Amino acid sequence: MTGHKGQVVGYVRVSAADQNEARQVEALGAVDKMFSEKVSGKTAHDCGVDR
């Protein structure tokens, strides 16, 4: 990204066993800060998280 100001932030979320976190990270490219999350809908429901 030429001429951008500030940080580039990436976010990756994997919710199923067949999803590939590494492939998503690679697709994002260069970022200044990376966030990743591994949560299934079932896990979130079991923890009392409302969606």
C-alpha atoms as a PDB file:
ATOM      1  CA  MET A   1       0.000   0.000   0.000  1.00  0.00           C
ATOM      2  CA  THR A   2       1.708   3.100  -1.176  1.00  0.00           C
ATOM      3  CA  GLY A   3       1.086   6.361   0.611  1.00  0.00           C
ATOM      4  CA  HIS A   4      -1.042   5.063   3.475  1.00  0.00           C
ATOM      5  CA  LYS A   5      -0.762   6.553   6.931  1.00  0.00           C
ATOM      6  CA  GLY A   6      -1.197   4.644  10.165  1.00  0.00           C
ATOM      7  CA  GLN A   7      -1.061   0.933  10.775  1.00  0.00           C
ATOM      8  CA  VAL A   8      -2.372  -1.921   8.684  1.00  0.00           C
ATOM      9  CA  VAL A   9      -4.269  -4.370  10.888  1.00  0.00           C
ATOM     10  CA  GLY A  10      -5.157  -7.948   9.913  1.00  0.00           C
ATOM     11  CA  TYR A  11      -7.861 -10.169  11.400  1.00  0.00           C
ATOM     12  CA  VAL A  12      -8.197 -13.922  10.856  1.00  0.00           C
ATOM     13  CA  ARG A  13     -11.013 -16.060  12.241  1.00  0.00           C
ATOM     14  CA  VAL A  14     -11.114 -19.840  12.067  1.00  0.00           C
ATOM     15  CA  SER A  15     -14.306 -21.510  13.208  1.00  0.00           C
ATOM     16  CA  ALA A  16     -14.126 -24.989  11.688  1.00  0.00           C
ATOM     17  CA  ALA A  17     -11.507 -27.719  11.759  1.00  0.00           C
ATOM     18  CA  ASP A  18     -11.211 -27.700   7.953  1.00  0.00           C
ATOM     19  CA  GLN A  19     -10.386 -23.974   7.791  1.00  0.00           C
ATOM     20  CA  ASN A  20      -6.735 -23.055   7.409  1.00  0.00           C
ATOM     21  CA  GLU A  21      -5.450 -20.148   9.517  1.00  0.00           C
ATOM     22  CA  ALA A  22      -2.052 -20.094   7.797  1.00  0.00           C
ATOM     23  CA  ARG A  23      -3.666 -19.720   4.361  1.00  0.00           C
ATOM     24  CA  GLN A  24      -5.730 -16.748   5.591  1.00  0.00           C
ATOM     25  CA  VAL A  25      -2.661 -15.090   7.139  1.00  0.00           C
ATOM     26  CA  GLU A  26      -0.757 -15.565   3.874  1.00  0.00           C
ATOM     27  CA  ALA A  27      -3.616 -14.017   1.892  1.00  0.00           C
ATOM     28  CA  LEU A  28      -3.550 -10.898   4.085  1.00  0.00           C
ATOM     29  CA  GLY A  29       0.047 -10.113   3.232  1.00  0.00           C
ATOM     30  CA  ALA A  30       2.094  -7.580   5.165  1.00  0.00           C
ATOM     31  CA  VAL A  31       0.398  -6.114   8.226  1.00  0.00           C
ATOM     32  CA  ASP A  32       1.645  -4.155  11.224  1.00  0.00           C
ATOM     33  CA  LYS A  33      -0.562  -5.967  13.719  1.00  0.00           C
ATOM     34  CA  MET A  34      -2.344  -9.328  13.466  1.00  0.00           C
ATOM     35  CA  PHE A  35      -5.327 -10.605  15.420  1.00  0.00           C
ATOM     36  CA  SER A  36      -6.529 -14.175  15.158  1.00  0.00           C
ATOM     37  CA  GLU A  37      -9.420 -16.029  16.702  1.00  0.00           C
ATOM     38  CA  LYS A  38     -10.254 -19.713  16.890  1.00  0.00           C
ATOM     39  CA  VAL A  39     -13.850 -20.086  18.024  1.00  0.00           C
ATOM     40  CA  SER A  40     -16.675 -22.281  16.860  1.00  0.00           C
ATOM     41  CA  GLY A  41     -20.319 -21.260  17.043  1.00  0.00           C
ATOM     42  CA  LYS A  42     -20.914 -24.153  19.403  1.00  0.00           C
ATOM     43  CA  THR A  43     -18.099 -23.028  21.724  1.00  0.00           C
ATOM     44  CA  ALA A  44     -19.389 -19.450  21.790  1.00  0.00           C
ATOM     45  CA  HIS A  45     -22.919 -20.697  22.530  1.00  0.00           C
ATOM     46  CA  ASP A  46     -21.684 -22.945  25.337  1.00  0.00           C
ATOM     47  CA  CYS A  47     -19.837 -20.006  26.919  1.00  0.00           C
ATOM     48  CA  GLY A  48     -22.953 -17.868  27.075  1.00  0.00           C
ATOM     49  CA  VAL A  49     -21.894 -15.481  24.302  1.00  0.00           C
ATOM     50  CA  ASP A  50     -24.893 -13.923  22.534  1.00  0.00           C
ATOM     51  CA  ARG A  51     -24.720 -13.588  18.768  1.00  0.00           C
END
